[in-house]
Protein backbone atom coordinates (compact mmCIF):
# COMPACT_ATOMS: atom_id res chain seq x y z
CA MET A 1 2.71 35.02 50.70
CA LYS A 2 4.20 34.43 47.54
CA THR A 3 7.13 32.28 48.87
CA LEU A 4 4.26 30.23 50.66
CA ILE A 5 2.57 29.54 47.22
CA LEU A 6 5.43 28.72 45.26
CA LEU A 7 6.52 26.38 48.06
CA SER A 8 3.01 24.79 47.44
CA PHE A 9 3.64 24.27 43.94
CA ILE A 10 6.89 22.74 44.43
CA LEU A 11 5.37 20.58 46.67
CA MET A 12 2.56 19.45 44.60
CA CYS A 13 4.50 18.98 41.28
CA ALA A 14 6.67 16.28 43.56
CA LEU A 15 3.65 15.05 44.84
CA GLN A 16 2.07 14.35 41.42
CA SER A 17 5.58 12.35 40.08
CA ILE A 18 5.32 10.09 43.30
CA ALA A 19 1.76 9.14 42.91
CA GLN A 20 2.38 7.38 39.36
CA PRO A 21 1.97 3.76 39.93
CA PRO A 22 5.12 1.58 40.32
CA GLY A 23 6.43 -0.60 37.61
CA ILE A 24 4.55 1.81 34.83
CA ARG A 25 6.30 4.06 33.38
CA ARG A 26 6.12 5.35 29.88
CA PRO A 27 9.41 4.76 27.51
CA THR A 28 11.32 8.21 26.82
CA ALA A 29 11.22 9.56 23.45
CA ALA A 30 14.93 8.09 22.86
CA GLN A 31 13.88 4.25 23.62
CA ILE A 32 11.00 4.80 21.48
CA ILE A 33 13.05 6.19 18.56
CA ALA A 34 15.74 3.49 19.35
CA LYS A 35 12.67 0.64 18.92
CA THR A 36 11.03 2.06 15.74
CA PRO A 37 12.71 0.60 12.35
CA GLY A 38 13.81 3.67 10.43
CA SER A 39 13.95 6.14 12.80
CA PHE A 40 17.27 7.59 14.21
CA ALA A 41 17.81 10.06 17.31
CA GLY A 42 19.88 13.54 17.38
CA ASN A 43 23.53 13.03 17.45
CA MET A 44 23.49 10.12 15.04
CA VAL A 45 26.69 10.06 13.23
CA PHE A 46 26.30 7.72 10.21
CA VAL A 47 29.08 5.16 9.46
CA LYS A 48 30.21 5.10 5.90
CA ASN A 49 29.21 2.00 3.74
CA GLN A 50 26.74 0.61 6.07
CA PRO A 51 22.94 1.07 4.80
CA TYR A 52 20.19 2.43 7.13
CA TYR A 53 16.91 0.68 5.77
CA SER A 54 13.35 1.80 5.74
CA PRO A 55 11.05 -0.52 7.89
CA ASP A 56 10.01 -2.40 4.98
CA LYS A 57 13.51 -2.88 3.56
CA LYS A 58 12.98 -1.55 0.21
CA HIS A 59 14.70 1.53 0.71
CA TYR A 60 17.62 2.61 2.11
CA LEU A 61 20.15 5.48 3.45
CA ILE A 62 23.78 5.18 2.96
CA PHE A 63 26.98 7.49 3.77
CA GLN A 64 29.11 6.39 0.83
CA GLY A 65 33.16 5.65 1.12
CA ASP A 66 33.07 8.79 -1.43
CA GLY A 67 30.96 11.08 1.23
CA ASN A 68 28.15 11.62 -0.77
CA LEU A 69 24.46 10.82 1.36
CA VAL A 70 22.28 8.84 -1.01
CA VAL A 71 18.98 7.72 -0.87
CA TYR A 72 18.45 4.07 -2.30
CA ARG A 73 15.50 1.84 -3.83
CA ILE A 74 15.67 -1.40 -4.17
CA ALA A 75 14.43 -3.18 -7.31
CA GLY A 76 14.23 -6.71 -7.59
CA THR A 77 18.23 -7.29 -7.18
CA ALA A 78 19.59 -3.88 -8.12
CA ALA A 79 19.37 -0.59 -6.28
CA HIS A 80 18.86 2.94 -7.76
CA ALA A 81 19.46 6.10 -6.37
CA ILE A 82 16.48 8.29 -5.66
CA TRP A 83 18.52 11.28 -3.60
CA ASN A 84 21.76 12.63 -2.70
CA THR A 85 23.81 15.40 -1.64
CA GLY A 86 25.88 15.75 -3.85
CA THR A 87 28.95 15.55 -1.63
CA HIS A 88 30.66 13.09 -3.47
CA VAL A 89 32.70 16.24 -4.87
CA SER A 90 33.27 17.89 -1.85
CA PHE A 91 34.69 14.33 -0.17
CA GLY A 92 32.54 14.31 2.71
CA ARG A 93 34.42 12.88 5.84
CA LYS A 94 31.04 12.31 8.26
CA ALA A 95 27.52 12.97 8.19
CA VAL A 96 25.16 13.61 11.19
CA PHE A 97 22.04 13.75 12.13
CA GLN A 98 22.34 16.92 14.96
CA MET A 99 20.27 17.54 18.09
CA ASP A 100 18.89 20.65 16.61
CA GLY A 101 17.38 18.83 13.75
CA ASN A 102 19.84 19.32 11.17
CA LEU A 103 21.04 16.89 9.14
CA VAL A 104 24.86 17.83 8.01
CA VAL A 105 27.45 16.63 5.81
CA TYR A 106 31.50 17.69 7.05
CA ASP A 107 34.52 17.58 5.17
CA ILE A 108 37.96 16.80 6.33
CA LYS A 109 38.22 20.31 7.83
CA ASN A 110 35.02 19.55 10.02
CA ARG A 111 33.38 22.38 7.27
CA ALA A 112 29.60 21.79 6.34
CA VAL A 113 29.54 20.87 2.96
CA TRP A 114 25.77 20.22 2.76
CA ASP A 115 23.09 20.80 5.55
CA SER A 116 19.20 20.25 5.32
CA ARG A 117 18.82 23.69 6.86
CA SER A 118 16.04 21.96 9.37
CA ASP A 119 17.69 23.45 12.42
CA MET A 120 14.98 25.20 14.54
CA LYS A 121 16.67 28.35 14.59
CA ARG A 122 16.62 29.22 10.34
CA ARG A 123 12.48 27.84 10.52
CA ASP A 124 11.05 30.57 12.31
CA ALA A 125 10.79 32.92 8.97
CA LYS A 126 8.43 30.33 7.92
CA LYS A 127 6.24 30.28 11.12
CA TRP A 128 6.18 26.88 11.41
CA TYR A 129 6.23 27.15 15.54
CA GLU A 130 1.89 28.14 15.14
CA TYR A 131 1.54 24.67 14.77
CA LEU A 132 3.28 22.97 17.63
CA ASP A 133 1.22 21.35 20.45
CA PRO A 134 1.56 23.20 23.74
CA THR A 135 4.87 20.47 24.95
CA ILE A 136 7.58 22.83 23.49
CA GLY A 137 10.91 24.47 24.44
CA ILE A 138 12.71 27.90 24.42
CA ASP A 139 15.80 28.19 23.00
CA LYS A 140 18.25 30.26 25.29
CA GLU A 141 19.23 32.34 22.43
CA SER A 142 16.01 33.50 21.50
CA PRO A 143 12.61 33.14 22.80
CA ILE A 144 11.53 30.89 19.53
CA GLU A 145 9.79 28.10 20.24
CA TYR A 146 10.64 24.45 19.14
CA PRO A 147 10.30 21.29 19.68
CA LYS A 148 12.32 19.17 22.33
CA ILE A 149 13.08 16.04 20.20
CA TYR A 150 13.66 15.75 16.69
CA TRP A 151 14.39 12.47 14.90
CA LEU A 152 15.19 11.04 10.99
CA SER A 153 13.33 8.63 9.58
CA MET A 154 13.59 6.60 6.46
CA GLN A 155 10.21 5.76 5.38
CA ASN A 156 8.80 3.23 3.35
CA ASP A 157 8.17 5.45 0.37
CA GLY A 158 11.53 6.29 -0.12
CA ASN A 159 11.14 9.53 1.40
CA LEU A 160 14.01 10.56 3.86
CA VAL A 161 12.07 13.11 6.74
CA ILE A 162 13.38 14.80 9.94
CA TYR A 163 10.46 15.27 12.50
CA GLY A 164 9.78 17.33 15.80
CA GLY A 165 7.66 17.37 18.21
CA SER A 166 6.87 16.59 21.91
CA ARG A 167 6.72 12.90 21.85
CA PRO A 168 7.73 10.03 18.76
CA PRO A 169 6.08 8.98 16.85
CA ASP A 170 3.78 12.03 17.04
CA GLY A 171 5.51 15.03 15.24
CA TYR A 172 5.50 17.63 12.35
CA ALA A 173 7.79 16.94 9.39
CA TRP A 174 10.40 19.67 9.00
CA TRP A 175 12.28 18.84 6.17
CA HIS A 176 11.86 15.82 3.62
CA SER A 177 14.17 14.65 0.70
CA ARG A 178 11.25 15.23 -1.66
């Protein structure tokens, strides 16, 4: 009897996925993030000395040649640093926004010299998951619930924010630069 119920459930799920009208497909989270100015998906490696602008082009994030990850505000013809990781001293080699929602600067030996401490395994102490919607994932290493999707946003107000949630642009801020 249990096998029959399980097969019925599987068949019902398969039929629901087929029932969507042809030609009408919801964009994936990655497609939404890619088309949103100032947003970056997980697994993003920042190119040195390339600016990543906010949608209004008045702020930008840059991984400088000296290894420092910096947010600048453009005022007239000048740009002023408003936030940085302070990794110019440790010669950051690469900056990565990882799939786990953590923004990290690595040195030449691939050691983390700065991170946002926003990976979801560390966030359980603050009970952040109590505010999530039900469309979440479960970590294989622990029973802690976490959002399936993370994205980094260089916002118009100059704030660099890591969001997590079930579907962009709807999400919750997990970390911000200020």
